[in-house]
């Protein structure tokens, strides 16, 4: 009798353990697969139009295209910021950058209290890691004295040991400025040395297509200047076209390693049980794009594939935010956000699971983005604070400090002196532009130098002004008709009702999320956070 009871007990335990995940998740939206793997792939500085799926013929992105075709493609994904660190902070916390103090600002410190979703996934049975660029650039704890700071990257455990070596026959990099991190081999290493019984979360953070680019690298890769679509805020010149093709080479490198990861997952039988999310942290590193609240600064690609749970082949027009990604991943993985600070974003799992295309959730009208300090570019290291609200068709920008230069000061104090100024606009006596001397929120590039060096020419002046001139407090664009954000409709009576509704919605959200710029006791606190990432520069007070 005792043996029979023991057998029954063992059978009961076996059945319980087998069915418990299904019972616990009865009615769970992703159906039979309760806790899938997550592969999160994020490029560095890629605007929304620059995939072959979106119609850019000068760049080939077969891996992204596959995810978009076999998954859900989002036409209106808005980054939390036009800069990398604040956007990445928002992704892993589900909060707006202005809610995360210095842990939402470029080059500052990461406080322990801003627990990223990776930590709660780890605590709830996931095996996680990252390769390449994690949640950066931030200063993490350097030693035991940094008691309030997080130890280790907010993307989790680093897998970056596999590297390309210049001169080695195995070095396949198509351009000299591409990172030496072998992303795919590190991903494979992560899987091979993981805990097989656990689902995984992996952050693939490519350093590409961040500046710098190897100039004219495109010439070795069958690229054509005629294929380039130059955004209307940049001049139609071969200097710009060549620069964009060099940018395309780096996007393709990011995509190649993603493709290898997908093929490996398929080989080991894990692809169909993996949610693949592909995006970028902010827009292209060109004038009036990255570090700007316009479309080409905050509008990024996004595609998500999981055939077992998400009806595929759909194009969605609902605006989605980076703050929505953390709650979505937590819901997909059936993970509680306990331990994290309150999340502002809303899960988009209902959109992913829908059969619909176009507008899926009409209640999701707006998403929000913001910017503070991007680099060391102004007097006392001040930033250029902006807040943005985006609907499907319109973009409203609040430039909080209109007296400041949006791309950085036009003149720098000469290093090693206290008041000697370098030439205006960074142009020396020979007419050559030095990028590090002026407008340093714009990354060094042939395009930037071309615009600055030719700023007095009639055909270039408007491009120069669009990139660097001071801006009004409010900018308002019909991005459906004006995706390049060149026709400011603020104050236009035809759009007055829409403008007011978006302004009110923005201010309500900023108050709700307790943005210090609106409700704080110290509205200038963002300019006071210490910056740890070099270089540091000195500028006069304009």
Protein backbone atom coordinates (compact mmCIF):
# COMPACT_ATOMS: atom_id res chain seq x y z
CA UNK A 1 0.00 0.00 0.00
CA UNK A 2 2.80 2.37 0.90
CA UNK A 3 4.60 1.64 -2.43
CA UNK A 4 1.39 2.27 -4.36
CA UNK A 5 0.93 5.64 -2.64
CA UNK A 6 4.50 6.50 -3.40
CA UNK A 7 4.01 5.68 -7.09
CA UNK A 8 0.85 7.76 -7.21
CA UNK A 9 2.65 10.62 -5.56
CA UNK A 10 5.52 10.45 -8.08
CA UNK A 11 3.03 10.36 -10.98
CA UNK A 12 1.16 13.31 -9.51
CA UNK A 13 4.37 15.35 -9.17
CA UNK A 14 5.42 14.46 -12.72
CA UNK A 15 2.05 15.51 -14.15
CA UNK A 16 2.03 18.66 -12.07
CA UNK A 17 5.47 19.72 -13.25
CA UNK A 18 4.55 18.91 -16.84
CA UNK A 19 1.27 20.81 -16.88
CA UNK A 20 2.02 23.54 -14.33
CA UNK A 21 3.32 26.12 -16.84
CA UNK A 22 0.17 25.65 -18.92
CA UNK A 23 -2.09 25.84 -15.86
CA UNK A 24 -0.26 28.87 -14.48
CA UNK A 25 -0.56 30.64 -17.81
CA UNK A 26 -4.06 29.50 -18.75
CA UNK A 27 -5.35 32.06 -21.18
CA UNK A 28 -1.87 33.50 -21.66
CA UNK A 29 -2.00 35.49 -24.91
CA UNK A 30 0.87 33.74 -26.69
CA UNK A 31 -0.85 30.37 -26.47
CA UNK A 32 1.00 27.09 -26.13
CA UNK A 33 4.50 28.57 -26.02
CA UNK A 34 4.69 30.10 -22.57
CA UNK A 35 8.20 31.44 -22.28
CA UNK A 36 9.91 31.91 -25.64
CA UNK A 37 13.46 33.08 -26.20
CA UNK A 38 14.02 36.75 -27.01
CA UNK A 39 16.61 37.99 -29.52
CA UNK A 40 16.73 41.77 -29.36
CA UNK A 41 18.82 43.29 -32.17
CA UNK A 42 19.54 47.02 -32.15
CA UNK A 43 21.69 48.96 -34.59
CA UNK A 44 23.34 52.26 -33.67
CA UNK A 45 22.09 55.35 -35.59
CA UNK A 46 19.79 54.08 -38.36
CA UNK A 47 16.78 56.05 -39.60
CA UNK A 48 13.45 54.41 -40.40
CA UNK A 49 13.73 54.54 -44.19
CA UNK A 50 17.08 52.80 -44.44
CA UNK A 51 16.18 49.16 -44.97
CA UNK A 52 15.57 47.51 -48.31
CA UNK A 53 12.14 46.51 -46.95
CA UNK A 54 11.27 50.21 -46.64
CA UNK A 55 12.38 50.83 -50.23
CA UNK A 56 15.96 52.04 -49.88
CA UNK A 57 17.60 50.45 -52.93
CA UNK A 58 21.10 51.52 -51.92
CA UNK A 59 21.11 49.26 -48.85
CA UNK A 60 20.46 45.51 -48.67
CA UNK A 61 18.99 44.16 -45.43
CA UNK A 62 17.78 40.59 -46.06
CA UNK A 63 17.65 39.67 -42.37
CA UNK A 64 15.54 42.68 -41.41
CA UNK A 65 13.36 42.12 -44.47
CA UNK A 66 12.76 38.51 -43.40
CA UNK A 67 11.66 39.57 -39.92
CA UNK A 68 9.38 42.23 -41.41
CA UNK A 69 7.83 39.88 -44.00
CA UNK A 70 7.37 36.94 -41.63
CA UNK A 71 6.46 39.12 -38.68
CA UNK A 72 4.95 42.51 -37.91
CA UNK A 73 6.43 45.67 -39.41
CA UNK A 74 5.79 48.92 -37.54
CA UNK A 75 5.71 52.03 -39.71
CA UNK A 76 5.66 54.44 -36.77
CA UNK A 77 8.20 53.38 -34.15
CA UNK A 78 9.51 56.41 -32.26
CA UNK A 79 12.70 56.25 -30.23
CA UNK A 80 12.62 57.65 -26.71
CA UNK A 81 15.30 60.13 -27.71
CA UNK A 82 17.35 61.12 -30.77
CA UNK A 83 20.43 59.96 -28.83
CA UNK A 84 21.67 56.49 -27.92
CA UNK A 85 22.00 56.41 -24.12
CA UNK A 86 18.58 57.88 -23.25
CA UNK A 87 16.87 55.67 -25.82
CA UNK A 88 18.53 52.52 -24.52
CA UNK A 89 17.67 53.52 -20.97
CA UNK A 90 14.01 53.76 -21.96
CA UNK A 91 14.05 50.36 -23.68
CA UNK A 92 15.21 48.46 -20.59
CA UNK A 93 13.25 50.43 -17.96
CA UNK A 94 10.00 51.14 -19.82
CA UNK A 95 10.29 54.75 -18.66
CA UNK A 96 10.89 58.03 -20.46
CA UNK A 97 14.47 59.35 -20.29
CA UNK A 98 13.38 62.35 -18.20
CA UNK A 99 12.10 59.93 -15.53
CA UNK A 100 15.47 58.24 -15.03
CA UNK A 101 17.56 61.16 -13.72
CA UNK A 102 21.20 60.79 -14.80
CA UNK A 103 20.45 57.19 -15.79
CA UNK A 104 18.46 58.57 -18.70
CA UNK A 105 21.12 60.98 -19.89
CA UNK A 106 24.06 60.61 -22.24
CA UNK A 107 27.39 59.80 -20.61
CA UNK A 108 26.28 60.03 -16.99
CA UNK A 109 26.04 57.38 -14.25
CA UNK A 110 23.60 54.47 -13.90
CA UNK A 111 21.96 54.29 -10.49
CA UNK A 112 21.11 50.92 -8.93
CA UNK A 113 17.48 51.83 -8.43
CA UNK A 114 16.82 51.84 -12.18
CA UNK A 115 16.45 48.10 -12.46
CA UNK A 116 16.42 46.97 -16.11
CA UNK A 117 14.08 44.31 -17.44
CA UNK A 118 17.06 41.99 -17.96
CA UNK A 119 17.47 41.70 -14.19
CA UNK A 120 13.89 40.60 -13.61
CA UNK A 121 14.09 38.16 -16.52
CA UNK A 122 17.22 36.65 -14.94
CA UNK A 123 15.48 36.40 -11.59
CA UNK A 124 12.56 34.61 -13.21
CA UNK A 125 14.32 31.82 -15.04
CA UNK A 126 15.92 33.41 -18.10
CA UNK A 127 19.53 33.13 -19.22
CA UNK A 128 20.70 36.49 -20.59
CA UNK A 129 23.65 38.30 -22.09
CA UNK A 130 24.71 40.83 -24.67
CA UNK A 131 27.31 41.46 -27.33
CA UNK A 132 28.58 44.70 -28.82
CA UNK A 133 27.11 47.92 -27.47
CA UNK A 134 24.92 47.41 -24.43
CA UNK A 135 22.97 50.05 -22.53
CA UNK A 136 25.55 52.73 -23.20
CA UNK A 137 27.27 55.11 -22.94
CA UNK A 138 26.90 55.23 -19.16
CA UNK A 139 29.38 55.19 -16.31
CA UNK A 140 28.82 52.05 -14.23
CA UNK A 141 30.32 51.46 -10.78
CA UNK A 142 34.11 51.73 -10.93
CA UNK A 143 34.85 50.45 -7.43
CA UNK A 144 33.26 49.91 -4.01
CA UNK A 145 33.00 53.67 -3.45
CA UNK A 146 30.32 53.97 -6.14
CA UNK A 147 27.74 52.56 -3.76
CA UNK A 148 24.70 54.03 -5.53
CA UNK A 149 25.74 52.90 -8.99
CA UNK A 150 25.00 49.71 -10.82
CA UNK A 151 27.84 47.21 -11.20
CA UNK A 152 27.91 45.92 -14.75
CA UNK A 153 26.07 46.90 -17.89
CA UNK A 154 22.28 47.21 -17.77
CA UNK A 155 22.13 44.88 -20.79
CA UNK A 156 23.45 42.02 -18.63
CA UNK A 157 26.54 39.85 -18.89
CA UNK A 158 29.00 40.75 -21.64
CA UNK A 159 29.87 38.29 -24.42
CA UNK A 160 32.51 40.18 -26.36
CA UNK A 161 35.56 37.95 -26.24
CA UNK A 162 35.51 36.97 -29.92
CA UNK A 163 37.15 39.71 -31.98
CA UNK A 164 38.35 40.32 -35.50
CA UNK A 165 42.05 41.04 -35.85
CA UNK A 166 43.33 43.37 -38.53
CA UNK A 167 45.59 41.54 -40.95
CA UNK A 168 44.17 38.13 -40.02
CA UNK A 169 42.85 36.22 -43.07
CA UNK A 170 39.61 35.69 -41.13
CA UNK A 171 39.03 39.43 -40.85
CA UNK A 172 36.07 39.87 -43.20
CA UNK A 173 35.08 43.41 -42.20
CA UNK A 174 34.12 45.47 -45.26
CA UNK A 175 35.41 48.80 -43.90
CA UNK A 176 38.17 49.93 -41.57
CA UNK A 177 36.00 51.79 -39.06
CA UNK A 178 33.75 48.81 -38.33
CA UNK A 179 33.97 47.43 -34.79
CA UNK A 180 36.24 44.45 -34.18
CA UNK A 181 33.53 42.63 -32.20
CA UNK A 182 32.47 39.39 -33.90
CA UNK A 183 28.81 39.61 -32.92
CA UNK A 184 27.70 36.27 -34.32
CA UNK A 185 30.51 34.21 -32.76
CA UNK A 186 29.78 35.84 -29.42
CA UNK A 187 26.09 34.97 -29.77
CA UNK A 188 26.99 31.38 -30.63
CA UNK A 189 29.32 31.27 -27.62
CA UNK A 190 26.50 32.60 -25.43
CA UNK A 191 24.20 29.79 -26.55
CA UNK A 192 26.83 27.05 -26.35
CA UNK A 193 27.76 27.90 -22.78
CA UNK A 194 24.27 28.69 -21.55
CA UNK A 195 21.88 26.86 -19.29
CA UNK A 196 20.07 24.66 -21.80
CA UNK A 197 16.94 24.23 -19.71
CA UNK A 198 16.33 27.98 -19.60
CA UNK A 199 14.90 30.26 -22.28
CA UNK A 200 17.27 33.06 -23.24
CA UNK A 201 17.23 36.81 -23.66
CA UNK A 202 20.06 38.13 -25.82
CA UNK A 203 20.84 41.75 -26.64
CA UNK A 204 22.68 42.08 -29.95
CA UNK A 205 23.93 45.68 -29.93
CA UNK A 206 25.79 46.49 -33.12
CA UNK A 207 28.19 49.44 -33.05
CA UNK A 208 27.22 50.08 -36.66
CA UNK A 209 26.28 52.35 -38.38
CA UNK A 210 27.64 54.76 -35.76
CA UNK A 211 30.30 57.18 -36.99
CA UNK A 212 33.08 57.08 -38.06
CA UNK A 213 32.79 55.49 -41.51
CA UNK A 214 35.68 54.55 -43.75
CA UNK A 215 35.40 57.12 -46.52
CA UNK A 216 34.61 55.59 -49.93
CA UNK A 217 34.26 52.07 -48.54
CA UNK A 218 31.18 51.76 -50.76
CA UNK A 219 33.35 51.62 -53.89
CA UNK A 220 34.41 48.05 -53.11
CA UNK A 221 30.85 46.77 -52.80
CA UNK A 222 29.02 47.41 -56.07
CA UNK A 223 27.18 50.48 -54.82
CA UNK A 224 25.85 53.18 -57.14
CA UNK A 225 25.53 56.90 -56.41
CA UNK A 226 22.43 56.95 -58.60
CA UNK A 227 20.55 54.69 -56.16
CA UNK A 228 20.94 57.04 -53.20
CA UNK A 229 17.86 58.87 -51.95
CA UNK A 230 19.13 62.08 -50.35
CA UNK A 231 16.73 63.45 -47.70
CA UNK A 232 15.51 66.93 -48.59
CA UNK A 233 17.27 68.49 -45.57
CA UNK A 234 20.66 67.54 -47.08
CA UNK A 235 22.13 68.94 -50.31
CA UNK A 236 22.02 66.88 -53.50
CA UNK A 237 25.76 66.52 -53.89
CA UNK A 238 28.06 63.57 -54.50
CA UNK A 239 29.82 64.28 -51.20
CA UNK A 240 26.54 63.52 -49.43
CA UNK A 241 25.67 60.56 -51.64
CA UNK A 242 29.05 58.93 -51.01
CA UNK A 243 28.67 59.51 -47.28
CA UNK A 244 25.25 57.83 -47.32
CA UNK A 245 26.66 54.82 -49.18
CA UNK A 246 29.42 54.45 -46.59
CA UNK A 247 26.61 54.51 -43.99
CA UNK A 248 24.81 51.77 -45.96
CA UNK A 249 27.87 49.50 -45.79
CA UNK A 250 27.70 49.60 -42.00
CA UNK A 251 23.96 48.90 -41.89
CA UNK A 252 24.59 45.83 -44.04
CA UNK A 253 27.23 44.62 -41.58
CA UNK A 254 24.70 44.81 -38.75
CA UNK A 255 22.21 42.92 -40.89
CA UNK A 256 24.74 40.24 -41.90
CA UNK A 257 25.40 39.24 -38.29
CA UNK A 258 21.68 39.21 -37.58
CA UNK A 259 21.21 36.89 -40.55
CA UNK A 260 23.86 34.53 -39.18
CA UNK A 261 22.14 34.51 -35.80
CA UNK A 262 18.80 33.63 -37.40
CA UNK A 263 20.36 30.84 -39.47
CA UNK A 264 22.07 29.39 -36.40
CA UNK A 265 18.85 29.47 -34.40
CA UNK A 266 17.13 27.62 -37.21
CA UNK A 267 19.96 25.07 -37.34
CA UNK A 268 19.65 24.25 -33.63
CA UNK A 269 15.85 24.22 -33.75
CA UNK A 270 15.24 27.38 -31.70
CA UNK A 271 14.17 29.94 -34.30
CA UNK A 272 10.46 29.19 -34.12
CA UNK A 273 10.55 29.49 -30.34
CA UNK A 274 12.33 32.86 -30.45
CA UNK A 275 10.75 36.29 -30.54
CA UNK A 276 13.02 38.39 -32.75
CA UNK A 277 12.87 42.17 -32.30
CA UNK A 278 14.92 44.39 -34.64
CA UNK A 279 15.25 48.17 -34.31
CA UNK A 280 17.75 51.03 -33.95
CA UNK A 281 18.38 53.42 -31.07
CA UNK A 282 17.97 56.68 -33.01
CA UNK A 283 18.35 58.16 -36.47
CA UNK A 284 21.25 58.51 -38.89
CA UNK A 285 24.38 60.45 -37.85
CA UNK A 286 23.90 63.30 -40.32
CA UNK A 287 23.04 66.99 -39.86
CA UNK A 288 19.41 67.59 -38.74
CA UNK A 289 18.91 63.87 -38.06
CA UNK A 290 20.60 62.27 -35.02
CA UNK A 291 20.40 64.52 -31.92
CA UNK A 292 17.34 66.27 -33.36
CA UNK A 293 13.65 65.76 -32.60
CA UNK A 294 12.73 65.53 -36.26
CA UNK A 295 11.62 62.40 -38.13
CA UNK A 296 15.10 61.32 -39.19
CA UNK A 297 16.27 61.69 -35.58
CA UNK A 298 13.58 59.79 -33.68
CA UNK A 299 11.75 57.62 -36.25
CA UNK A 300 13.45 54.22 -36.43
CA UNK A 301 12.82 50.80 -38.03
CA UNK A 302 11.00 48.14 -36.02
CA UNK A 303 10.04 44.59 -36.97
CA UNK A 304 9.00 41.73 -34.66
CA UNK A 305 8.68 38.07 -35.63
CA UNK A 306 7.14 35.18 -33.72
CA UNK A 307 4.98 33.04 -36.04
CA UNK A 308 3.68 30.85 -33.20
CA UNK A 309 2.11 33.82 -31.45
CA UNK A 310 1.88 36.76 -33.82
CA UNK A 311 -0.02 36.65 -37.15
CA UNK A 312 2.60 37.44 -39.76
CA UNK A 313 2.95 39.55 -42.87
CA UNK A 314 1.28 42.59 -41.31
CA UNK A 315 2.12 46.29 -41.51
CA UNK A 316 1.00 48.31 -38.50
CA UNK A 317 0.52 52.09 -38.43
CA UNK A 318 -0.09 52.52 -34.69
CA UNK A 319 2.54 54.79 -33.12
CA UNK A 320 4.71 52.75 -30.76
CA UNK A 321 7.31 53.92 -28.29
CA UNK A 322 10.56 52.52 -26.95
CA UNK A 323 8.95 52.79 -23.51
CA UNK A 324 6.47 50.16 -24.73
CA UNK A 325 9.13 47.52 -25.36
CA UNK A 326 9.92 46.55 -21.75
CA UNK A 327 6.28 45.93 -20.73
CA UNK A 328 5.74 44.03 -23.99
CA UNK A 329 8.72 41.73 -23.38
CA UNK A 330 7.66 41.20 -19.77
CA UNK A 331 4.15 40.22 -20.85
CA UNK A 332 5.42 37.92 -23.60
CA UNK A 333 7.69 36.13 -21.13
CA UNK A 334 5.06 36.05 -18.37
CA UNK A 335 7.43 37.96 -16.09
CA UNK A 336 6.38 40.30 -13.31
CA UNK A 337 7.95 43.79 -13.29
CA UNK A 338 8.36 43.50 -9.52
CA UNK A 339 11.60 45.20 -8.51
CA UNK A 340 11.49 47.73 -11.34
CA UNK A 341 10.36 51.30 -10.88
CA UNK A 342 6.87 52.10 -12.25
CA UNK A 343 6.70 51.61 -16.00
CA UNK A 344 5.26 54.37 -18.21
CA UNK A 345 5.05 52.45 -21.48
CA UNK A 346 2.17 50.16 -22.42
CA UNK A 347 2.51 46.62 -23.74
CA UNK A 348 1.78 46.28 -27.46
CA UNK A 349 1.15 42.54 -27.22
CA UNK A 350 -2.49 43.14 -28.18
CA UNK A 351 -1.27 44.70 -31.44
CA UNK A 352 1.19 41.88 -32.08
CA UNK A 353 -1.48 39.22 -31.57
CA UNK A 354 -4.11 40.93 -33.69
CA UNK A 355 -5.02 39.82 -37.19
CA UNK A 356 -5.43 43.46 -38.23
CA UNK A 357 -3.19 45.75 -40.23
CA UNK A 358 -3.02 49.56 -40.36
CA UNK A 359 -4.41 51.05 -37.17
CA UNK A 360 -4.94 48.16 -34.77
CA UNK A 361 -5.51 49.95 -31.44
CA UNK A 362 -7.27 53.32 -32.01
CA UNK A 363 -6.73 54.29 -28.37
CA UNK A 364 -2.98 54.46 -28.96
CA UNK A 365 -2.93 57.94 -30.47
CA UNK A 366 0.38 59.39 -29.28
CA UNK A 367 3.94 58.50 -28.35
CA UNK A 368 6.56 60.69 -26.69
CA UNK A 369 10.25 61.42 -27.01
CA UNK A 370 12.74 63.82 -25.43
CA UNK A 371 16.24 65.15 -25.53
CA UNK A 372 18.59 66.84 -23.08
CA UNK A 373 22.39 66.79 -23.34
CA UNK A 374 23.78 64.83 -26.27
CA UNK A 375 27.48 65.68 -26.15
CA UNK A 376 29.76 68.30 -24.65
CA UNK A 377 28.70 71.10 -27.00
CA UNK A 378 27.74 74.26 -25.11
CA UNK A 379 28.63 76.64 -22.30
CA UNK A 380 28.92 74.77 -18.99
CA UNK A 381 28.09 71.52 -20.78
CA UNK A 382 24.45 72.54 -21.19
CA UNK A 383 22.17 70.51 -23.40
CA UNK A 384 19.40 71.39 -25.81
CA UNK A 385 16.18 70.27 -24.09
CA UNK A 386 13.32 69.17 -26.34
CA UNK A 387 10.12 67.23 -25.83
CA UNK A 388 8.26 65.63 -28.72
CA UNK A 389 4.83 64.14 -29.23
CA UNK A 390 4.11 62.10 -32.35
CA UNK A 391 0.82 60.85 -33.77
CA UNK A 392 0.45 58.78 -36.92
CA UNK A 393 0.46 61.91 -39.08
CA UNK A 394 1.81 64.81 -37.02
CA UNK A 395 4.89 65.73 -34.98
CA UNK A 396 4.91 68.48 -32.34
CA UNK A 397 8.25 69.66 -30.92
CA UNK A 398 8.74 71.85 -27.86
CA UNK A 399 12.17 73.52 -27.92
CA UNK A 400 12.49 74.50 -24.28
CA UNK A 401 15.60 76.72 -24.55
CA UNK A 402 15.30 78.59 -27.83
CA UNK A 403 18.26 80.84 -27.00
CA UNK A 404 20.65 77.89 -27.26
CA UNK A 405 22.23 76.52 -30.43
CA UNK A 406 20.50 73.22 -31.33
CA UNK A 407 23.58 71.62 -32.89
CA UNK A 408 26.02 73.03 -30.35
CA UNK A 409 27.83 76.35 -30.06
CA UNK A 410 29.31 77.80 -33.28
CA UNK A 411 32.63 78.61 -31.63
CA UNK A 412 34.83 76.86 -29.10
CA UNK A 413 37.41 78.00 -26.56
CA UNK A 414 40.86 76.84 -27.66
CA UNK A 415 42.03 73.89 -25.53
CA UNK A 416 44.68 74.92 -23.00
CA UNK A 417 43.39 78.50 -22.77
CA UNK A 418 40.65 80.18 -20.77
CA UNK A 419 39.30 82.68 -23.27
CA UNK A 420 41.05 82.31 -26.63
CA UNK A 421 38.47 81.38 -29.25
CA UNK A 422 38.89 79.08 -32.19
CA UNK A 423 37.51 80.40 -35.51
CA UNK A 424 33.76 80.83 -35.97
CA UNK A 425 31.97 77.73 -37.31
CA UNK A 426 35.25 75.81 -36.98
CA UNK A 427 36.56 77.10 -40.32
CA UNK A 428 40.30 77.83 -40.35
CA UNK A 429 42.10 80.49 -42.41
CA UNK A 430 42.43 78.06 -45.31
CA UNK A 431 38.68 77.53 -45.45
CA UNK A 432 38.88 74.03 -43.97
CA UNK A 433 36.28 72.94 -41.45
CA UNK A 434 37.36 71.29 -38.19
CA UNK A 435 34.38 69.36 -36.88
CA UNK A 436 35.53 69.33 -33.27
CA UNK A 437 35.65 73.13 -33.18
CA UNK A 438 31.94 73.89 -33.64
CA UNK A 439 28.43 72.38 -33.79
CA UNK A 440 29.72 69.29 -32.01
CA UNK A 441 26.31 67.72 -31.49
CA UNK A 442 26.66 66.79 -35.16
CA UNK A 443 29.05 63.88 -35.62
CA UNK A 444 32.18 64.47 -37.70
CA UNK A 445 31.42 63.66 -41.32
CA UNK A 446 32.10 64.72 -44.91
CA UNK A 447 28.48 65.90 -45.12
CA UNK A 448 28.82 68.17 -42.10
CA UNK A 449 32.10 69.68 -43.34
CA UNK A 450 30.69 70.21 -46.82
CA UNK A 451 27.66 72.12 -45.51
CA UNK A 452 29.71 74.26 -43.11
CA UNK A 453 32.50 75.07 -45.59
CA UNK A 454 29.97 76.12 -48.24
CA UNK A 455 27.48 77.82 -45.92
CA UNK A 456 27.78 81.19 -47.68
CA UNK A 457 26.80 79.79 -51.05
CA UNK A 458 23.20 80.44 -52.01
CA UNK A 459 22.47 76.81 -52.84
CA UNK A 460 23.77 75.61 -49.45
CA UNK A 461 22.65 78.33 -47.02
CA UNK A 462 19.23 76.80 -46.32
CA UNK A 463 20.82 73.41 -45.48
CA UNK A 464 23.23 75.13 -43.11
CA UNK A 465 20.39 76.98 -41.37
CA UNK A 466 18.25 73.84 -41.11
CA UNK A 467 21.15 72.06 -39.43
CA UNK A 468 22.50 74.65 -37.00
CA UNK A 469 20.39 77.84 -36.73
CA UNK A 470 18.39 78.65 -33.61
CA UNK A 471 14.81 77.43 -33.63
CA UNK A 472 11.42 78.68 -32.44
CA UNK A 473 9.85 77.37 -29.27
CA UNK A 474 7.27 75.30 -31.16
CA UNK A 475 7.67 73.30 -34.35
CA UNK A 476 4.74 71.40 -35.81
CA UNK A 477 4.85 69.18 -38.88
CA UNK A 478 2.48 67.17 -41.02
CA UNK A 479 4.89 64.31 -41.44
CA UNK A 480 2.63 62.50 -43.86
CA UNK A 481 3.16 65.32 -46.37
CA UNK A 482 6.48 66.59 -45.00
CA UNK A 483 8.59 63.67 -43.69
CA UNK A 484 11.71 65.85 -43.80
CA UNK A 485 10.18 68.35 -41.33
CA UNK A 486 10.93 71.50 -43.32
CA UNK A 487 7.54 73.27 -43.28
CA UNK A 488 6.75 74.45 -39.75
CA UNK A 489 2.96 74.66 -39.36
CA UNK A 490 2.99 76.07 -35.82
CA UNK A 491 0.42 78.84 -35.64
CA UNK A 492 -1.21 77.84 -38.92
CA UNK A 493 -4.96 78.31 -38.41
CA UNK A 494 -5.75 75.32 -40.66
CA UNK A 495 -4.09 72.99 -38.14
CA UNK A 496 -4.81 74.94 -34.94
CA UNK A 497 -7.12 72.30 -33.40
CA UNK A 498 -4.67 69.45 -34.01
CA UNK A 499 -1.74 71.51 -32.72
CA UNK A 500 -3.60 72.41 -29.52
CA UNK A 501 -4.69 68.81 -28.88
CA UNK A 502 -1.13 67.57 -29.28
CA UNK A 503 0.30 70.32 -27.09
CA UNK A 504 -2.23 69.54 -24.36
CA UNK A 505 -1.56 65.81 -24.64
CA UNK A 506 2.19 66.41 -24.39
CA UNK A 507 1.92 68.64 -21.32
CA UNK A 508 -0.47 66.21 -19.64
CA UNK A 509 1.96 63.34 -20.19
CA UNK A 510 4.94 65.37 -18.95
CA UNK A 511 3.02 66.27 -15.79
CA UNK A 512 1.86 62.70 -15.31
CA UNK A 513 5.41 61.38 -15.71
CA UNK A 514 6.75 64.18 -13.47
CA UNK A 515 9.19 65.65 -15.95
CA UNK A 516 11.44 68.03 -13.97
CA UNK A 517 11.31 70.51 -16.87
CA UNK A 518 7.60 70.92 -16.16
CA UNK A 519 6.84 70.01 -12.54
CA UNK A 520 10.25 69.77 -10.89
CA UNK A 521 11.60 72.00 -8.16
CA UNK A 522 14.80 72.31 -10.20
CA UNK A 523 13.96 72.69 -13.87
CA UNK A 524 17.65 72.86 -14.81
CA UNK A 525 18.71 69.65 -13.07
CA UNK A 526 19.55 67.85 -16.34
CA UNK A 527 22.33 70.37 -17.04
CA UNK A 528 23.90 69.65 -13.65
CA UNK A 529 24.48 65.90 -14.00
CA UNK A 530 28.13 65.03 -14.30
CA UNK A 531 29.29 63.77 -17.67
CA UNK A 532 31.86 60.96 -17.55
CA UNK A 533 32.27 60.23 -21.25
CA UNK A 534 34.99 62.14 -23.07
CA UNK A 535 35.73 64.43 -24.81
CA UNK A 536 34.90 67.45 -22.68
CA UNK A 537 35.01 70.87 -24.32
CA UNK A 538 34.79 74.50 -23.21
CA UNK A 539 32.58 77.06 -24.92
CA UNK A 540 31.90 80.77 -24.41
CA UNK A 541 28.48 81.95 -23.23
CA UNK A 542 26.59 83.16 -26.28
